[in-house]
N, C-alpha and C. Protein backbone atom coordinates (compact mmCIF):
# COMPACT_ATOMS: atom_id res chain seq x y z
N UNK A 1 155.65 45.77 -15.23
CA UNK A 1 156.68 45.77 -16.22
C UNK A 1 157.47 47.08 -15.87
N UNK A 2 158.71 46.83 -16.24
CA UNK A 2 159.61 47.84 -16.08
C UNK A 2 159.97 48.80 -17.28
N UNK A 3 159.96 50.03 -17.09
CA UNK A 3 160.17 50.85 -18.40
C UNK A 3 161.36 51.53 -18.22
N UNK A 4 161.89 52.08 -19.39
CA UNK A 4 163.26 52.96 -19.31
C UNK A 4 163.09 53.88 -20.30
N UNK A 5 163.60 55.30 -19.88
CA UNK A 5 163.48 56.39 -20.83
C UNK A 5 164.94 56.87 -20.88
N UNK A 6 165.53 57.09 -21.89
CA UNK A 6 166.99 57.69 -21.96
C UNK A 6 166.88 59.01 -22.71
N UNK A 7 167.75 60.06 -22.53
CA UNK A 7 167.83 61.24 -23.35
C UNK A 7 169.17 61.65 -23.09
N UNK A 8 169.79 62.26 -24.35
CA UNK A 8 170.92 62.78 -24.17
C UNK A 8 170.85 64.05 -24.80
N UNK A 9 171.56 65.05 -24.37
CA UNK A 9 171.77 66.53 -24.89
C UNK A 9 173.10 67.09 -24.90
N UNK A 10 173.49 67.52 -25.77
CA UNK A 10 174.83 68.13 -25.87
C UNK A 10 174.59 69.85 -25.53
N UNK A 11 175.33 70.16 -24.24
CA UNK A 11 175.38 71.63 -23.98
C UNK A 11 176.48 72.32 -24.44
N UNK A 12 176.16 73.63 -24.69
CA UNK A 12 177.45 74.43 -24.95
C UNK A 12 177.90 75.22 -23.95
N UNK A 13 178.42 74.40 -22.87
CA UNK A 13 178.84 75.15 -21.73
C UNK A 13 179.92 74.35 -20.92
N UNK A 14 180.43 74.84 -19.99
CA UNK A 14 181.48 74.04 -19.13
C UNK A 14 180.90 73.12 -18.21
N UNK A 15 181.62 72.11 -17.82
CA UNK A 15 181.17 71.33 -16.82
C UNK A 15 180.61 71.95 -15.43
N UNK A 16 181.37 73.10 -15.02
CA UNK A 16 181.17 73.57 -13.96
C UNK A 16 180.03 74.49 -14.10
N UNK A 17 179.64 75.06 -15.15
CA UNK A 17 178.33 75.80 -15.50
C UNK A 17 177.16 74.73 -15.61
N UNK A 18 177.34 73.80 -16.20
CA UNK A 18 175.94 72.79 -16.12
C UNK A 18 175.89 72.29 -14.81
N UNK A 19 176.87 71.87 -13.85
CA UNK A 19 176.79 71.50 -12.70
C UNK A 19 175.98 72.38 -11.96
N UNK A 20 176.33 73.81 -11.97
CA UNK A 20 175.89 74.88 -11.28
C UNK A 20 174.31 75.02 -11.60
N UNK A 21 173.99 74.76 -12.54
CA UNK A 21 172.48 74.79 -13.09
C UNK A 21 171.70 73.55 -12.16
N UNK A 22 172.54 72.37 -12.49
CA UNK A 22 171.75 71.12 -12.09
C UNK A 22 171.79 71.01 -10.64
N UNK A 23 172.46 71.46 -9.88
CA UNK A 23 172.52 71.53 -8.45
C UNK A 23 171.65 72.12 -7.71
N UNK A 24 170.97 73.04 -8.23
CA UNK A 24 169.84 73.97 -7.78
C UNK A 24 168.46 73.45 -8.18
N UNK A 25 167.81 72.66 -7.11
CA UNK A 25 166.48 72.15 -7.45
C UNK A 25 165.49 72.92 -7.87
N UNK A 26 165.48 74.25 -7.63
CA UNK A 26 164.68 75.09 -8.15
C UNK A 26 164.59 75.33 -9.73
N UNK A 27 165.61 74.93 -10.04
CA UNK A 27 165.88 75.08 -11.55
C UNK A 27 164.94 74.04 -12.39
N UNK A 28 164.43 73.24 -11.59
CA UNK A 28 163.40 72.19 -12.26
C UNK A 28 162.19 72.91 -13.06
N UNK A 29 161.87 73.86 -12.39
CA UNK A 29 160.64 74.64 -13.00
C UNK A 29 161.11 75.43 -14.16
N UNK A 30 162.43 75.70 -14.48
CA UNK A 30 162.57 76.18 -15.86
C UNK A 30 162.71 75.25 -16.92
N UNK A 31 162.72 74.14 -16.76
CA UNK A 31 162.69 73.00 -17.74
C UNK A 31 161.65 72.03 -17.71
N UNK A 32 160.78 72.43 -17.02
CA UNK A 32 159.34 71.49 -17.06
C UNK A 32 158.37 72.35 -17.92
N UNK A 33 157.53 71.59 -18.84
CA UNK A 33 156.50 72.39 -19.52
C UNK A 33 155.40 72.91 -18.70
N UNK A 34 155.15 73.95 -19.16
CA UNK A 34 154.13 74.84 -18.28
C UNK A 34 152.74 74.12 -18.10
N UNK A 35 152.21 73.43 -19.15
CA UNK A 35 150.97 72.91 -18.92
C UNK A 35 151.01 71.82 -17.76
N UNK A 36 152.23 71.31 -17.36
CA UNK A 36 151.93 70.41 -16.18
C UNK A 36 151.72 71.10 -15.01
N UNK A 37 151.58 72.29 -14.95
CA UNK A 37 151.45 73.26 -13.69
C UNK A 37 152.35 72.79 -12.59
N UNK A 38 153.67 72.43 -12.68
CA UNK A 38 154.59 72.13 -11.81
C UNK A 38 154.83 72.75 -10.80
N UNK A 39 154.77 72.51 -9.44
CA UNK A 39 154.94 73.44 -8.48
C UNK A 39 155.85 72.70 -7.50
N UNK A 40 156.99 73.27 -7.03
CA UNK A 40 157.74 72.77 -5.66
C UNK A 40 157.08 73.24 -4.61
N UNK A 41 156.72 72.28 -3.72
CA UNK A 41 155.92 72.71 -2.53
C UNK A 41 156.70 72.72 -1.31
N UNK A 42 157.91 72.05 -1.28
CA UNK A 42 158.66 72.16 0.12
C UNK A 42 159.75 73.23 -0.31
N UNK A 43 160.46 73.67 1.12
CA UNK A 43 161.52 74.71 0.88
C UNK A 43 162.55 73.90 0.14
N UNK A 44 163.30 74.55 -0.59
CA UNK A 44 164.56 73.90 -1.19
C UNK A 44 165.77 74.87 -1.10
N UNK A 45 166.83 74.17 -0.82
CA UNK A 45 168.21 75.10 -0.72
C UNK A 45 168.62 75.36 -1.96
N UNK A 46 169.51 76.29 -2.14
CA UNK A 46 170.09 76.60 -3.38
C UNK A 46 170.87 75.58 -4.07
N UNK A 47 171.16 74.52 -3.20
CA UNK A 47 172.14 73.33 -3.93
C UNK A 47 171.60 72.19 -3.06
N UNK A 48 171.69 71.18 -3.88
CA UNK A 48 171.14 69.82 -3.41
C UNK A 48 172.06 69.32 -2.61
N UNK A 49 171.57 68.29 -1.76
CA UNK A 49 172.52 67.48 -1.05
C UNK A 49 171.98 66.01 -1.03
N UNK A 50 172.76 64.90 -0.78
CA UNK A 50 172.54 63.64 -0.17
C UNK A 50 171.46 63.50 0.83
N UNK A 51 170.12 63.14 0.44
CA UNK A 51 169.34 62.86 1.41
C UNK A 51 168.08 63.92 1.42
N UNK A 52 168.39 64.99 0.55
CA UNK A 52 167.30 66.05 0.17
C UNK A 52 166.00 65.39 -0.12
N UNK A 53 164.97 65.84 0.49
CA UNK A 53 163.48 65.48 0.23
C UNK A 53 162.98 66.70 -0.50
N UNK A 54 162.32 66.40 -1.60
CA UNK A 54 161.72 67.60 -2.17
C UNK A 54 160.18 67.37 -2.63
N UNK A 55 159.18 68.04 -2.39
CA UNK A 55 157.78 67.73 -2.65
C UNK A 55 157.48 68.66 -3.66
N UNK A 56 156.77 67.87 -4.53
CA UNK A 56 156.08 68.74 -5.84
C UNK A 56 154.66 68.30 -5.98
N UNK A 57 154.19 69.06 -6.67
CA UNK A 57 152.71 68.93 -7.23
C UNK A 57 152.86 69.03 -8.78
N UNK A 58 152.32 68.24 -9.49
CA UNK A 58 152.35 68.05 -10.96
C UNK A 58 150.96 67.50 -11.55
N UNK A 59 150.47 68.10 -12.70
CA UNK A 59 149.29 67.30 -13.19
C UNK A 59 149.75 66.70 -14.28
N UNK A 60 149.46 65.29 -14.25
CA UNK A 60 149.88 64.27 -15.17
C UNK A 60 148.67 63.82 -16.02
N UNK A 61 148.57 64.06 -17.25
CA UNK A 61 147.37 63.54 -17.96
C UNK A 61 147.16 62.19 -17.98
N UNK A 62 145.93 61.87 -17.51
CA UNK A 62 145.61 60.24 -17.31
C UNK A 62 145.68 59.96 -15.82
N UNK A 63 146.36 60.69 -15.15
CA UNK A 63 146.33 60.57 -13.81
C UNK A 63 146.11 61.65 -12.61
N UNK A 64 145.78 62.82 -13.49
CA UNK A 64 145.26 64.14 -12.91
C UNK A 64 146.51 64.53 -11.89
N UNK A 65 146.22 65.58 -11.05
CA UNK A 65 147.10 66.46 -10.01
C UNK A 65 147.56 65.41 -9.10
N UNK A 66 148.75 65.36 -9.21
CA UNK A 66 149.80 64.34 -8.19
C UNK A 66 150.67 65.00 -7.15
N UNK A 67 150.74 64.66 -5.83
CA UNK A 67 152.01 64.91 -5.15
C UNK A 67 153.01 63.97 -5.43
N UNK A 68 154.12 64.54 -5.31
CA UNK A 68 155.30 63.59 -5.55
C UNK A 68 156.45 64.16 -4.77
N UNK A 69 156.97 63.00 -4.06
CA UNK A 69 158.07 63.21 -3.08
C UNK A 69 159.53 62.67 -3.79
N UNK A 70 160.28 63.18 -3.85
CA UNK A 70 161.55 62.45 -4.24
C UNK A 70 162.71 62.79 -3.25
N UNK A 71 163.68 61.83 -3.41
CA UNK A 71 164.84 61.86 -2.68
C UNK A 71 166.10 62.00 -3.38
N UNK A 72 166.90 62.99 -3.26
CA UNK A 72 168.20 63.38 -4.06
C UNK A 72 169.16 62.34 -3.26
N UNK A 73 170.10 61.70 -4.05
CA UNK A 73 170.86 60.67 -3.44
C UNK A 73 171.88 60.42 -4.51
N UNK A 74 173.22 59.85 -4.04
CA UNK A 74 174.32 59.26 -4.82
C UNK A 74 174.75 60.43 -5.65
N UNK A 75 174.99 61.57 -4.87
CA UNK A 75 175.63 62.78 -5.59
C UNK A 75 177.00 62.65 -5.82
N UNK A 76 177.46 62.99 -6.99
CA UNK A 76 179.01 62.88 -7.36
C UNK A 76 179.23 64.28 -8.02
N UNK A 77 179.51 65.22 -7.43
CA UNK A 77 179.81 66.62 -7.98
C UNK A 77 180.46 66.60 -9.04
N UNK A 78 179.60 67.33 -10.10
CA UNK A 78 180.26 67.71 -11.54
C UNK A 78 180.25 66.37 -12.24
N UNK A 79 179.44 65.37 -11.77
CA UNK A 79 179.14 64.27 -12.56
C UNK A 79 177.87 63.45 -12.90
N UNK A 80 177.03 63.21 -11.55
CA UNK A 80 176.01 62.64 -11.37
C UNK A 80 175.07 62.60 -10.14
N UNK A 81 174.02 62.37 -10.05
CA UNK A 81 173.05 62.29 -9.03
C UNK A 81 171.76 61.48 -9.28
N UNK A 82 171.00 61.17 -8.46
CA UNK A 82 169.80 60.46 -8.54
C UNK A 82 168.82 60.88 -7.91
N UNK A 83 167.54 61.14 -8.46
CA UNK A 83 166.34 61.76 -7.74
C UNK A 83 165.55 60.27 -7.74
N UNK A 84 164.84 59.77 -6.70
CA UNK A 84 164.18 58.83 -6.45
C UNK A 84 162.87 58.88 -5.75
N UNK A 85 161.88 58.28 -6.33
CA UNK A 85 160.49 58.82 -5.67
C UNK A 85 160.50 58.14 -4.49
N UNK A 86 159.82 58.72 -3.53
CA UNK A 86 159.48 58.33 -2.34
C UNK A 86 158.16 57.95 -2.09
N UNK A 87 157.31 58.77 -2.71
CA UNK A 87 155.90 59.07 -2.74
C UNK A 87 155.43 59.60 -4.00
N UNK A 88 154.45 59.07 -4.88
CA UNK A 88 154.20 59.75 -6.21
C UNK A 88 153.10 58.75 -6.98
N UNK A 89 153.17 59.09 -8.21
CA UNK A 89 152.26 58.38 -9.16
C UNK A 89 152.80 57.25 -9.63
N UNK A 90 154.03 56.98 -9.47
CA UNK A 90 154.58 55.59 -10.16
C UNK A 90 154.82 54.85 -8.97
N UNK A 91 154.86 53.57 -9.30
CA UNK A 91 155.27 52.41 -8.38
C UNK A 91 156.66 52.47 -8.13
N UNK A 92 157.36 53.10 -9.11
CA UNK A 92 158.78 52.93 -8.85
C UNK A 92 159.36 54.03 -9.91
N UNK A 93 160.00 55.12 -9.44
CA UNK A 93 160.59 56.22 -10.27
C UNK A 93 162.26 56.19 -9.71
N UNK A 94 163.29 55.97 -10.83
CA UNK A 94 164.57 56.19 -10.48
C UNK A 94 165.30 56.88 -11.71
N UNK A 95 165.50 58.08 -11.34
CA UNK A 95 166.01 59.04 -12.43
C UNK A 95 167.59 59.31 -12.09
N UNK A 96 168.24 58.80 -13.04
CA UNK A 96 169.80 59.26 -12.83
C UNK A 96 170.15 60.20 -14.10
N UNK A 97 171.05 60.87 -13.22
CA UNK A 97 171.34 62.34 -14.16
C UNK A 97 172.86 62.20 -14.28
N UNK A 98 173.17 62.44 -15.51
CA UNK A 98 174.89 62.42 -15.59
C UNK A 98 175.36 63.43 -16.39
N UNK A 99 176.43 64.26 -16.29
CA UNK A 99 176.98 64.96 -17.31
C UNK A 99 178.60 64.73 -17.35
N UNK A 100 178.85 64.74 -18.52
CA UNK A 100 180.30 64.44 -19.02
C UNK A 100 180.66 65.39 -19.92
N UNK A 101 182.06 65.82 -19.59
CA UNK A 101 182.81 66.74 -20.65
C UNK A 101 183.28 66.23 -21.70
N UNK A 102 182.99 66.72 -22.99
CA UNK A 102 183.37 66.35 -24.23
C UNK A 102 184.09 67.48 -24.98
N UNK A 103 184.72 67.17 -26.16
CA UNK A 103 185.29 68.26 -27.01
C UNK A 103 184.40 69.25 -27.21
N UNK A 104 183.11 68.78 -27.66
CA UNK A 104 182.06 69.67 -28.19
C UNK A 104 181.35 70.51 -26.89
N UNK A 105 181.37 70.03 -25.80
CA UNK A 105 180.67 70.74 -24.76
C UNK A 105 180.48 69.57 -23.47
N UNK A 106 179.38 69.80 -22.98
CA UNK A 106 178.98 68.83 -21.82
C UNK A 106 177.69 67.94 -22.43
N UNK A 107 177.88 66.82 -22.48
CA UNK A 107 177.07 65.64 -22.63
C UNK A 107 176.13 65.35 -21.28
N UNK A 108 174.90 65.91 -21.66
CA UNK A 108 173.90 65.51 -20.25
C UNK A 108 173.03 64.27 -20.85
N UNK A 109 173.13 63.53 -19.86
CA UNK A 109 172.41 61.94 -19.83
C UNK A 109 171.36 61.91 -18.98
N UNK A 110 170.24 61.58 -19.38
CA UNK A 110 169.03 61.15 -18.38
C UNK A 110 168.54 59.71 -18.61
N UNK A 111 168.66 58.86 -17.40
CA UNK A 111 168.03 57.55 -17.60
C UNK A 111 166.98 57.40 -16.40
N UNK A 112 165.94 57.24 -16.98
CA UNK A 112 164.73 56.94 -16.15
C UNK A 112 164.18 55.66 -16.13
N UNK A 113 164.07 54.97 -14.93
CA UNK A 113 163.88 53.54 -14.88
C UNK A 113 162.36 53.80 -14.09
N UNK A 114 161.28 53.29 -14.32
CA UNK A 114 160.27 53.20 -13.76
C UNK A 114 159.22 52.17 -13.90
N UNK A 115 158.05 52.01 -12.95
CA UNK A 115 157.13 51.12 -12.93
C UNK A 115 155.80 51.83 -12.72
N UNK A 116 154.66 51.38 -13.67
CA UNK A 116 153.56 52.08 -13.75
C UNK A 116 152.68 51.61 -12.26
N UNK A 117 151.83 52.20 -11.67
CA UNK A 117 151.11 51.59 -10.76
C UNK A 117 149.75 50.91 -11.21
N UNK A 118 148.98 50.53 -10.58
CA UNK A 118 147.81 49.88 -10.99
C UNK A 118 147.87 48.73 -11.87
N UNK A 119 148.64 47.90 -11.99
CA UNK A 119 148.73 46.64 -12.62
C UNK A 119 148.52 46.75 -14.11
N UNK A 120 147.44 45.87 -14.56
CA UNK A 120 147.19 45.92 -15.97
C UNK A 120 146.60 47.38 -16.37
N UNK A 121 145.76 48.05 -15.51
CA UNK A 121 145.42 49.28 -15.84
C UNK A 121 146.48 50.38 -16.14
N UNK A 122 147.65 50.23 -15.38
CA UNK A 122 148.60 51.06 -15.46
C UNK A 122 149.45 50.81 -16.84
N UNK A 123 149.53 49.58 -17.26
CA UNK A 123 149.95 49.27 -18.43
C UNK A 123 149.21 49.79 -19.45
N UNK A 124 147.98 49.75 -19.50
CA UNK A 124 147.22 50.36 -20.44
C UNK A 124 147.37 51.85 -20.62
N UNK A 125 147.46 52.63 -19.40
CA UNK A 125 147.51 54.09 -19.35
C UNK A 125 149.02 54.58 -19.85
N UNK A 126 149.81 53.51 -19.70
CA UNK A 126 151.24 53.85 -20.28
C UNK A 126 151.12 53.84 -21.69
N UNK A 127 150.62 52.71 -22.24
CA UNK A 127 150.36 52.60 -23.60
C UNK A 127 149.61 53.85 -24.25
N UNK A 128 148.53 54.18 -23.76
CA UNK A 128 147.59 55.23 -24.37
C UNK A 128 148.42 56.53 -24.16
N UNK A 129 149.06 56.84 -23.11
CA UNK A 129 149.51 58.36 -22.89
C UNK A 129 150.59 58.79 -22.19
N UNK A 130 150.99 57.79 -21.20
CA UNK A 130 152.01 58.13 -20.15
C UNK A 130 153.33 58.26 -20.77
N UNK A 131 153.74 57.24 -21.66
CA UNK A 131 154.95 57.04 -22.35
C UNK A 131 155.07 58.29 -23.39
N UNK A 132 154.23 58.72 -23.96
CA UNK A 132 154.25 60.03 -24.85
C UNK A 132 154.30 61.23 -24.02
N UNK A 133 153.96 61.27 -23.04
CA UNK A 133 153.82 62.34 -22.21
C UNK A 133 155.10 62.50 -21.45
N UNK A 134 155.88 61.55 -21.10
CA UNK A 134 157.13 61.34 -20.59
C UNK A 134 158.40 61.85 -21.59
N UNK A 135 158.12 61.26 -22.88
CA UNK A 135 158.96 61.87 -24.03
C UNK A 135 158.85 63.24 -24.40
N UNK A 136 157.48 63.69 -24.39
CA UNK A 136 157.50 65.34 -24.37
C UNK A 136 158.00 65.83 -23.51
N UNK A 137 157.93 65.55 -22.33
CA UNK A 137 158.60 66.02 -20.94
C UNK A 137 160.05 66.32 -21.22
N UNK A 138 160.79 65.24 -21.54
CA UNK A 138 162.16 65.11 -21.80
C UNK A 138 162.57 65.68 -23.02
N UNK A 139 161.83 66.16 -23.97
CA UNK A 139 162.00 66.58 -25.26
C UNK A 139 161.94 68.06 -24.87
N UNK A 140 160.86 68.34 -24.22
CA UNK A 140 160.90 69.96 -23.77
C UNK A 140 162.24 70.31 -23.12
N UNK A 141 162.50 69.43 -22.00
CA UNK A 141 163.86 69.69 -21.14
C UNK A 141 164.92 69.92 -22.18
N UNK A 142 165.22 69.11 -23.27
CA UNK A 142 166.19 69.35 -24.00
C UNK A 142 166.02 70.56 -24.64
N UNK A 143 164.99 70.94 -25.00
CA UNK A 143 164.91 72.12 -25.80
C UNK A 143 165.41 73.21 -25.03
N UNK A 144 164.77 73.38 -23.73
CA UNK A 144 165.02 74.47 -22.84
C UNK A 144 166.56 74.64 -22.50
N UNK A 145 167.11 73.33 -22.41
CA UNK A 145 168.62 73.11 -21.88
C UNK A 145 169.38 73.75 -23.18
N UNK A 146 168.96 73.50 -24.34
CA UNK A 146 169.88 73.95 -25.51
C UNK A 146 169.56 75.48 -25.54
N UNK A 147 168.33 76.14 -25.34
CA UNK A 147 168.21 77.45 -25.32
C UNK A 147 169.05 78.24 -24.30
N UNK A 148 169.13 77.36 -23.01
CA UNK A 148 170.22 78.09 -21.88
C UNK A 148 171.50 78.04 -22.10
N UNK A 149 171.94 76.70 -22.91
CA UNK A 149 173.35 76.42 -23.13
C UNK A 149 173.40 76.07 -24.58
N UNK A 150 173.26 77.15 -25.58
CA UNK A 150 173.45 76.74 -26.93
C UNK A 150 174.82 76.09 -27.35
N UNK A 151 175.13 75.19 -28.37
CA UNK A 151 176.34 74.55 -28.56
C UNK A 151 176.82 75.75 -29.72
């Protein structure tokens, strides 16, 4: 089964300022809930580029501590990019990030398309906890972004 999670957040900053934050992979630490014990394992540059591979370790409720390798791709500066799982806890993880300038600020959009591993067991884990955990993670990100870039 394919799942989708979408989140929109209005940021009180310029397109340039929001892109400056998003293009630095290390900033993911700043918007990830502390209880997930998120760590970037690989060396990361100050600015992402197409083909950049980033290895993480993260604690996922119901799945335990997981290693995760993503590839950054389809970068359109000041507009969008994708991080796609190459190895990790999901059978598929495709995360599209987009920012758009509006009269009120910058609209940040996340759309994650994912498939759980483990067949029926994965679907049960999704129902019991994974979907709530992902919603909590993206709500936390929204809160942190609003603190960094208040409207």
